Amino acid sequence: MRLLNDRELQAGLVQSAQHSGFRILGVDPAAGGDNSAIVLRSANAQQVLFNQKLQDTMDLVGVIQDQYREWQCDVIVIDRTGIGQGVYDRLKQMDYSVRGVAFGEKADDEMFANLKAELHWRQRKWVLSGGRLIQNYGWNEFEVVKYKNKDGKLIIQPKEELLREGISSPNVVDAAVLTQYIADSAIKSARILKNHGNQFYDRSIEIWRG
């Protein structure tokens, strides 16, 4: 079954939206003639910022830096599998707030076969609960993203199967689901910690003091 059917996808699309709340960049690096993609997620909307081929994967670092500064983002989440590891390492070295994710990692919820399936399901729930997708042709990739139940666990159709069917990798969708890796509450806690010199901060003390 499709992760989002036509009706669900159309209901989530909007021409424009004003971003609010915390801002997360999801990055799906690619090589071999495939597009690298960057998607911004705020509390209410997702926006495709970049979806192009690059001659050198490391050129993506500069693109990420520009988007991070322009949109005043809180954190970057990147697929560090394969070629993405180098991009992740470079951003980490430059002291950016970045998290590296491998889709093959174990999911937190046992109903999912892996982290990839869990993040895709969070994306589905986010859209169905009112999250908006700012119009971009990249969202058409949702038409080929499918899931199924295998041995009692939910799994997303592997890219290898898509390629055998002549379908390109859904890089925009992958970048979008990466933004679901971190909850807004975790970003809020990290920001409070940073504002207090990276020392543990108990806000109840501040409330108690009035």
C-alpha atoms as a PDB file:
ATOM      1  CA  MET A   1       0.000   0.000   0.000  1.00  0.00           C
ATOM      2  CA  ARG A   2       1.099   3.579  -0.603  1.00  0.00           C
ATOM      3  CA  LEU A   3       2.363   5.515   2.391  1.00  0.00           C
ATOM      4  CA  LEU A   4       0.101   8.399   1.302  1.00  0.00           C
ATOM      5  CA  ASN A   5      -2.633   7.885  -1.250  1.00  0.00           C
ATOM      6  CA  ASP A   6      -3.689  10.580  -3.739  1.00  0.00           C
ATOM      7  CA  ARG A   7      -6.404  11.994  -1.500  1.00  0.00           C
ATOM      8  CA  GLU A   8      -4.140  12.183   1.553  1.00  0.00           C
ATOM      9  CA  LEU A   9      -1.298  13.722  -0.434  1.00  0.00           C
ATOM     10  CA  GLN A  10      -3.488  16.372  -2.068  1.00  0.00           C
ATOM     11  CA  ALA A  11      -4.997  17.285   1.295  1.00  0.00           C
ATOM     12  CA  GLY A  12      -1.516  17.966   2.657  1.00  0.00           C
ATOM     13  CA  LEU A  13      -0.288  20.178  -0.200  1.00  0.00           C
ATOM     14  CA  VAL A  14      -0.393  23.982   0.049  1.00  0.00           C
ATOM     15  CA  GLN A  15       0.895  26.764  -2.196  1.00  0.00           C
ATOM     16  CA  SER A  16       2.671  28.529   0.667  1.00  0.00           C
ATOM     17  CA  ALA A  17       2.987  28.512   4.449  1.00  0.00           C
ATOM     18  CA  GLN A  18       4.659  30.564   7.155  1.00  0.00           C
ATOM     19  CA  HIS A  19       7.073  28.386   9.097  1.00  0.00           C
ATOM     20  CA  SER A  20       6.721  28.411  12.885  1.00  0.00           C
ATOM     21  CA  GLY A  21       8.502  26.756  15.791  1.00  0.00           C
ATOM     22  CA  PHE A  22      11.752  24.797  15.645  1.00  0.00           C
ATOM     23  CA  ARG A  23      13.403  24.099  12.286  1.00  0.00           C
ATOM     24  CA  ILE A  24      15.033  20.843  11.214  1.00  0.00           C
ATOM     25  CA  LEU A  25      16.961  20.132   8.006  1.00  0.00           C
ATOM     26  CA  GLY A  26      16.705  16.609   6.619  1.00  0.00           C
ATOM     27  CA  VAL A  27      19.492  15.704   4.184  1.00  0.00           C
ATOM     28  CA  ASP A  28      19.656  12.718   1.837  1.00  0.00           C
ATOM     29  CA  PRO A  29      23.062  12.696   0.069  1.00  0.00           C
ATOM     30  CA  ALA A  30      23.325  10.909  -3.270  1.00  0.00           C
ATOM     31  CA  ALA A  31      25.896  10.018  -5.928  1.00  0.00           C
ATOM     32  CA  GLY A  32      26.065   8.268  -9.263  1.00  0.00           C
ATOM     33  CA  GLY A  33      23.858  10.714 -11.120  1.00  0.00           C
ATOM     34  CA  ASP A  34      21.140  10.683  -8.467  1.00  0.00           C
ATOM     35  CA  ASN A  35      19.745  13.816  -6.808  1.00  0.00           C
ATOM     36  CA  SER A  36      20.767  14.931  -3.334  1.00  0.00           C
ATOM     37  CA  ALA A  37      17.834  16.387  -1.406  1.00  0.00           C
ATOM     38  CA  ILE A  38      17.344  18.791   1.495  1.00  0.00           C
ATOM     39  CA  VAL A  39      13.977  19.297   3.191  1.00  0.00           C
ATOM     40  CA  LEU A  40      13.120  21.810   5.906  1.00  0.00           C
ATOM     41  CA  ARG A  41      10.542  20.910   8.553  1.00  0.00           C
ATOM     42  CA  SER A  42       9.064  23.365  11.024  1.00  0.00           C
ATOM     43  CA  ALA A  43       6.209  22.748  13.440  1.00  0.00           C
ATOM     44  CA  ASN A  44       3.591  23.169  10.728  1.00  0.00           C
ATOM     45  CA  ALA A  45       5.179  22.697   7.294  1.00  0.00           C
ATOM     46  CA  GLN A  46       7.798  20.959   5.181  1.00  0.00           C
ATOM     47  CA  GLN A  47       9.569  22.598   2.262  1.00  0.00           C
ATOM     48  CA  VAL A  48      11.901  21.167  -0.384  1.00  0.00           C
ATOM     49  CA  LEU A  49      14.974  23.427  -0.389  1.00  0.00           C
ATOM     50  CA  PHE A  50      17.287  21.438  -2.662  1.00  0.00           C
ATOM     51  CA  ASN A  51      16.836  18.542  -5.094  1.00  0.00           C
ATOM     52  CA  GLN A  52      19.701  18.396  -7.579  1.00  0.00           C
ATOM     53  CA  LYS A  53      22.619  16.335  -8.837  1.00  0.00           C
ATOM     54  CA  LEU A  54      26.094  17.323  -7.644  1.00  0.00           C
ATOM     55  CA  GLN A  55      29.410  16.468  -9.262  1.00  0.00           C
ATOM     56  CA  ASP A  56      31.107  16.082  -5.888  1.00  0.00           C
ATOM     57  CA  THR A  57      29.202  14.869  -2.830  1.00  0.00           C
ATOM     58  CA  MET A  58      31.259  17.155  -0.596  1.00  0.00           C
ATOM     59  CA  ASP A  59      29.806  20.148  -2.466  1.00  0.00           C
ATOM     60  CA  LEU A  60      26.662  19.302  -0.545  1.00  0.00           C
ATOM     61  CA  VAL A  61      28.348  20.522   2.658  1.00  0.00           C
ATOM     62  CA  GLY A  62      28.376  24.080   1.336  1.00  0.00           C
ATOM     63  CA  VAL A  63      24.739  23.857   0.251  1.00  0.00           C
ATOM     64  CA  ILE A  64      23.737  22.598   3.701  1.00  0.00           C
ATOM     65  CA  GLN A  65      25.655  25.443   5.384  1.00  0.00           C
ATOM     66  CA  ASP A  66      23.867  28.033   3.249  1.00  0.00           C
ATOM     67  CA  GLN A  67      20.416  26.598   3.942  1.00  0.00           C
ATOM     68  CA  TYR A  68      21.153  26.175   7.652  1.00  0.00           C
ATOM     69  CA  ARG A  69      22.085  29.850   7.983  1.00  0.00           C
ATOM     70  CA  GLU A  70      19.341  31.194   5.717  1.00  0.00           C
ATOM     71  CA  TRP A  71      16.557  29.367   7.539  1.00  0.00           C
ATOM     72  CA  GLN A  72      18.143  29.700  11.008  1.00  0.00           C
ATOM     73  CA  CYS A  73      17.789  25.988  11.654  1.00  0.00           C
ATOM     74  CA  ASP A  74      18.143  24.237  15.000  1.00  0.00           C
ATOM     75  CA  VAL A  75      19.544  20.898  13.843  1.00  0.00           C
ATOM     76  CA  ILE A  76      20.560  18.888  10.767  1.00  0.00           C
ATOM     77  CA  VAL A  77      19.616  15.218  10.371  1.00  0.00           C
ATOM     78  CA  ILE A  78      21.528  13.385   7.658  1.00  0.00           C
ATOM     79  CA  ASP A  79      21.517   9.877   6.229  1.00  0.00           C
ATOM     80  CA  ARG A  80      25.087   8.862   7.049  1.00  0.00           C
ATOM     81  CA  THR A  81      24.872   5.505   5.278  1.00  0.00           C
ATOM     82  CA  GLY A  82      27.565   5.111   2.602  1.00  0.00           C
ATOM     83  CA  ILE A  83      28.601   8.414   1.020  1.00  0.00           C
ATOM     84  CA  GLY A  84      26.615  10.360   3.597  1.00  0.00           C
ATOM     85  CA  GLN A  85      29.189   9.473   6.266  1.00  0.00           C
ATOM     86  CA  GLY A  86      31.734  11.901   4.812  1.00  0.00           C
ATOM     87  CA  VAL A  87      29.219  14.751   4.702  1.00  0.00           C
ATOM     88  CA  TYR A  88      28.155  14.006   8.282  1.00  0.00           C
ATOM     89  CA  ASP A  89      31.767  13.859   9.522  1.00  0.00           C
ATOM     90  CA  ARG A  90      32.598  17.199   7.884  1.00  0.00           C
ATOM     91  CA  LEU A  91      29.584  18.960   9.401  1.00  0.00           C
ATOM     92  CA  LYS A  92      30.404  17.463  12.796  1.00  0.00           C
ATOM     93  CA  GLN A  93      33.996  18.643  12.458  1.00  0.00           C
ATOM     94  CA  MET A  94      32.715  22.153  11.717  1.00  0.00           C
ATOM     95  CA  ASP A  95      30.708  22.018  14.959  1.00  0.00           C
ATOM     96  CA  TYR A  96      27.241  22.095  13.428  1.00  0.00           C
ATOM     97  CA  SER A  97      24.325  20.673  15.377  1.00  0.00           C
ATOM     98  CA  VAL A  98      24.013  17.480  13.329  1.00  0.00           C
ATOM     99  CA  ARG A  99      22.681  13.963  13.853  1.00  0.00           C
ATOM    100  CA  GLY A 100      23.646  11.019  11.674  1.00  0.00           C
ATOM    101  CA  VAL A 101      21.024   8.365  10.976  1.00  0.00           C
ATOM    102  CA  ALA A 102      21.237   4.927   9.365  1.00  0.00           C
ATOM    103  CA  PHE A 103      17.871   3.741   8.051  1.00  0.00           C
ATOM    104  CA  GLY A 104      18.805   0.145   8.802  1.00  0.00           C
ATOM    105  CA  GLU A 105      19.042   0.803  12.544  1.00  0.00           C
ATOM    106  CA  LYS A 106      16.647  -0.903  14.928  1.00  0.00           C
ATOM    107  CA  ALA A 107      13.316   0.858  15.424  1.00  0.00           C
ATOM    108  CA  ASP A 108      12.148   1.991  18.858  1.00  0.00           C
ATOM    109  CA  ASP A 109       8.722   0.446  18.239  1.00  0.00           C
ATOM    110  CA  GLU A 110       8.606  -3.307  17.644  1.00  0.00           C
ATOM    111  CA  MET A 111       5.862  -2.984  15.021  1.00  0.00           C
ATOM    112  CA  PHE A 112       8.482  -1.687  12.552  1.00  0.00           C
ATOM    113  CA  ALA A 113      11.159  -3.739  10.794  1.00  0.00           C
ATOM    114  CA  ASN A 114      13.731  -0.942  11.077  1.00  0.00           C
ATOM    115  CA  LEU A 115      14.180   2.779  11.727  1.00  0.00           C
ATOM    116  CA  LYS A 116      13.382   3.597   8.096  1.00  0.00           C
ATOM    117  CA  ALA A 117       9.877   2.170   8.436  1.00  0.00           C
ATOM    118  CA  GLU A 118       9.312   3.931  11.757  1.00  0.00           C
ATOM    119  CA  LEU A 119      10.369   7.348  10.408  1.00  0.00           C
ATOM    120  CA  HIS A 120       8.206   6.912   7.307  1.00  0.00           C
ATOM    121  CA  TRP A 121       5.227   6.113   9.528  1.00  0.00           C
ATOM    122  CA  ARG A 122       5.892   9.217  11.645  1.00  0.00           C
ATOM    123  CA  GLN A 123       5.887  11.218   8.409  1.00  0.00           C
ATOM    124  CA  ARG A 124       2.532   9.744   7.442  1.00  0.00           C
ATOM    125  CA  LYS A 125       1.038  10.568  10.846  1.00  0.00           C
ATOM    126  CA  TRP A 126       2.477  14.092  10.717  1.00  0.00           C
ATOM    127  CA  VAL A 127       0.823  14.833   7.354  1.00  0.00           C
ATOM    128  CA  LEU A 128      -2.495  13.258   8.348  1.00  0.00           C
ATOM    129  CA  SER A 129      -2.548  15.250  11.595  1.00  0.00           C
ATOM    130  CA  GLY A 130      -2.260  18.591   9.788  1.00  0.00           C
ATOM    131  CA  GLY A 131       1.369  18.961   8.674  1.00  0.00           C
ATOM    132  CA  ARG A 132       1.558  20.805   5.357  1.00  0.00           C
ATOM    133  CA  LEU A 133       3.749  20.168   2.297  1.00  0.00           C
ATOM    134  CA  ILE A 134       4.630  23.345   0.397  1.00  0.00           C
ATOM    135  CA  GLN A 135       4.075  22.676  -3.305  1.00  0.00           C
ATOM    136  CA  ASN A 136       7.053  21.141  -5.111  1.00  0.00           C
ATOM    137  CA  TYR A 137       7.310  18.455  -7.804  1.00  0.00           C
ATOM    138  CA  GLY A 138       9.507  16.443  -5.431  1.00  0.00           C
ATOM    139  CA  TRP A 139       6.455  15.471  -3.369  1.00  0.00           C
ATOM    140  CA  ASN A 140       5.302  13.384  -6.342  1.00  0.00           C
ATOM    141  CA  GLU A 141       7.722  10.756  -5.015  1.00  0.00           C
ATOM    142  CA  PHE A 142       5.068   9.817  -2.464  1.00  0.00           C
ATOM    143  CA  GLU A 143       3.295   8.087  -5.352  1.00  0.00           C
ATOM    144  CA  VAL A 144       5.954   5.341  -5.370  1.00  0.00           C
ATOM    145  CA  VAL A 145       6.659   4.996  -1.639  1.00  0.00           C
ATOM    146  CA  LYS A 146       4.884   1.868  -0.418  1.00  0.00           C
ATOM    147  CA  TYR A 147       4.773  -0.265   2.706  1.00  0.00           C
ATOM    148  CA  LYS A 148       3.695  -3.786   3.580  1.00  0.00           C
ATOM    149  CA  ASN A 149       3.485  -6.154   6.514  1.00  0.00           C
ATOM    150  CA  LYS A 150       6.291  -8.696   6.495  1.00  0.00           C
ATOM    151  CA  ASP A 151       6.511 -11.285   9.273  1.00  0.00           C
ATOM    152  CA  GLY A 152       4.342  -9.129  11.493  1.00  0.00           C
ATOM    153  CA  LYS A 153       6.392  -5.952  11.035  1.00  0.00           C
ATOM    154  CA  LEU A 154       5.830  -2.941   8.829  1.00  0.00           C
ATOM    155  CA  ILE A 155       8.486  -2.474   6.127  1.00  0.00           C
ATOM    156  CA  ILE A 156       9.032   0.166   3.427  1.00  0.00           C
ATOM    157  CA  GLN A 157       9.648  -1.147  -0.090  1.00  0.00           C
ATOM    158  CA  PRO A 158      13.466  -1.202  -0.567  1.00  0.00           C
ATOM    159  CA  LYS A 159      15.112   1.078  -3.111  1.00  0.00           C
ATOM    160  CA  GLU A 160      16.580  -1.974  -4.847  1.00  0.00           C
ATOM    161  CA  GLU A 161      13.079  -3.149  -5.738  1.00  0.00           C
ATOM    162  CA  LEU A 162      12.158   0.302  -7.027  1.00  0.00           C
ATOM    163  CA  LEU A 163      15.267   0.390  -9.227  1.00  0.00           C
ATOM    164  CA  ARG A 164      14.392  -3.018 -10.708  1.00  0.00           C
ATOM    165  CA  GLU A 165      11.014  -1.517 -11.623  1.00  0.00           C
ATOM    166  CA  GLY A 166      12.758   1.439 -13.300  1.00  0.00           C
ATOM    167  CA  ILE A 167      11.770   3.865 -10.526  1.00  0.00           C
ATOM    168  CA  SER A 168      14.290   6.394  -9.228  1.00  0.00           C
ATOM    169  CA  SER A 169      15.148   6.619  -5.549  1.00  0.00           C
ATOM    170  CA  PRO A 170      12.655   8.852  -3.639  1.00  0.00           C
ATOM    171  CA  ASN A 171      15.312  11.174  -2.240  1.00  0.00           C
ATOM    172  CA  VAL A 172      12.959  14.027  -1.326  1.00  0.00           C
ATOM    173  CA  VAL A 173      10.769  11.697   0.718  1.00  0.00           C
ATOM    174  CA  ASP A 174      13.859  10.246   2.416  1.00  0.00           C
ATOM    175  CA  ALA A 175      15.029  13.757   3.338  1.00  0.00           C
ATOM    176  CA  ALA A 176      11.555  14.580   4.635  1.00  0.00           C
ATOM    177  CA  VAL A 177      11.267  11.511   6.867  1.00  0.00           C
ATOM    178  CA  LEU A 178      14.708  12.210   8.349  1.00  0.00           C
ATOM    179  CA  THR A 179      13.263  15.394   9.849  1.00  0.00           C
ATOM    180  CA  GLN A 180      10.945  13.177  11.894  1.00  0.00           C
ATOM    181  CA  TYR A 181      13.913  11.670  13.751  1.00  0.00           C
ATOM    182  CA  ILE A 182      14.023  14.430  16.367  1.00  0.00           C
ATOM    183  CA  ALA A 183      11.017  15.619  18.345  1.00  0.00           C
ATOM    184  CA  ASP A 184      10.498  19.338  18.987  1.00  0.00           C
ATOM    185  CA  SER A 185      10.691  18.606  22.722  1.00  0.00           C
ATOM    186  CA  ALA A 186      14.241  17.278  22.303  1.00  0.00           C
ATOM    187  CA  ILE A 187      15.288  20.432  20.432  1.00  0.00           C
ATOM    188  CA  LYS A 188      13.766  22.590  23.158  1.00  0.00           C
ATOM    189  CA  SER A 189      15.706  20.711  25.844  1.00  0.00           C
ATOM    190  CA  ALA A 190      18.953  21.011  23.875  1.00  0.00           C
ATOM    191  CA  ARG A 191      18.422  24.745  23.392  1.00  0.00           C
ATOM    192  CA  ILE A 192      17.817  25.275  27.117  1.00  0.00           C
ATOM    193  CA  LEU A 193      20.957  23.270  27.896  1.00  0.00           C
ATOM    194  CA  LYS A 194      23.037  25.323  25.448  1.00  0.00           C
ATOM    195  CA  ASN A 195      21.730  28.597  26.869  1.00  0.00           C
ATOM    196  CA  HIS A 196      22.930  27.522  30.306  1.00  0.00           C
ATOM    197  CA  GLY A 197      26.505  26.681  29.379  1.00  0.00           C
ATOM    198  CA  ASN A 198      25.795  23.011  28.549  1.00  0.00           C
ATOM    199  CA  GLN A 199      25.134  22.357  32.230  1.00  0.00           C
ATOM    200  CA  PHE A 200      22.063  20.469  33.411  1.00  0.00           C
ATOM    201  CA  TYR A 201      19.271  22.958  33.938  1.00  0.00           C
ATOM    202  CA  ASP A 202      16.216  22.283  36.066  1.00  0.00           C
ATOM    203  CA  ARG A 203      13.550  24.842  35.128  1.00  0.00           C
ATOM    204  CA  SER A 204      11.566  24.007  38.257  1.00  0.00           C
ATOM    205  CA  ILE A 205      14.187  25.964  40.245  1.00  0.00           C
ATOM    206  CA  GLU A 206      13.447  29.067  38.172  1.00  0.00           C
ATOM    207  CA  ILE A 207       9.705  28.591  38.685  1.00  0.00           C
ATOM    208  CA  TRP A 208      10.186  28.093  42.451  1.00  0.00           C
ATOM    209  CA  ARG A 209      12.162  31.345  42.683  1.00  0.00           C
ATOM    210  CA  GLY A 210       9.324  33.128  40.918  1.00  0.00           C
END
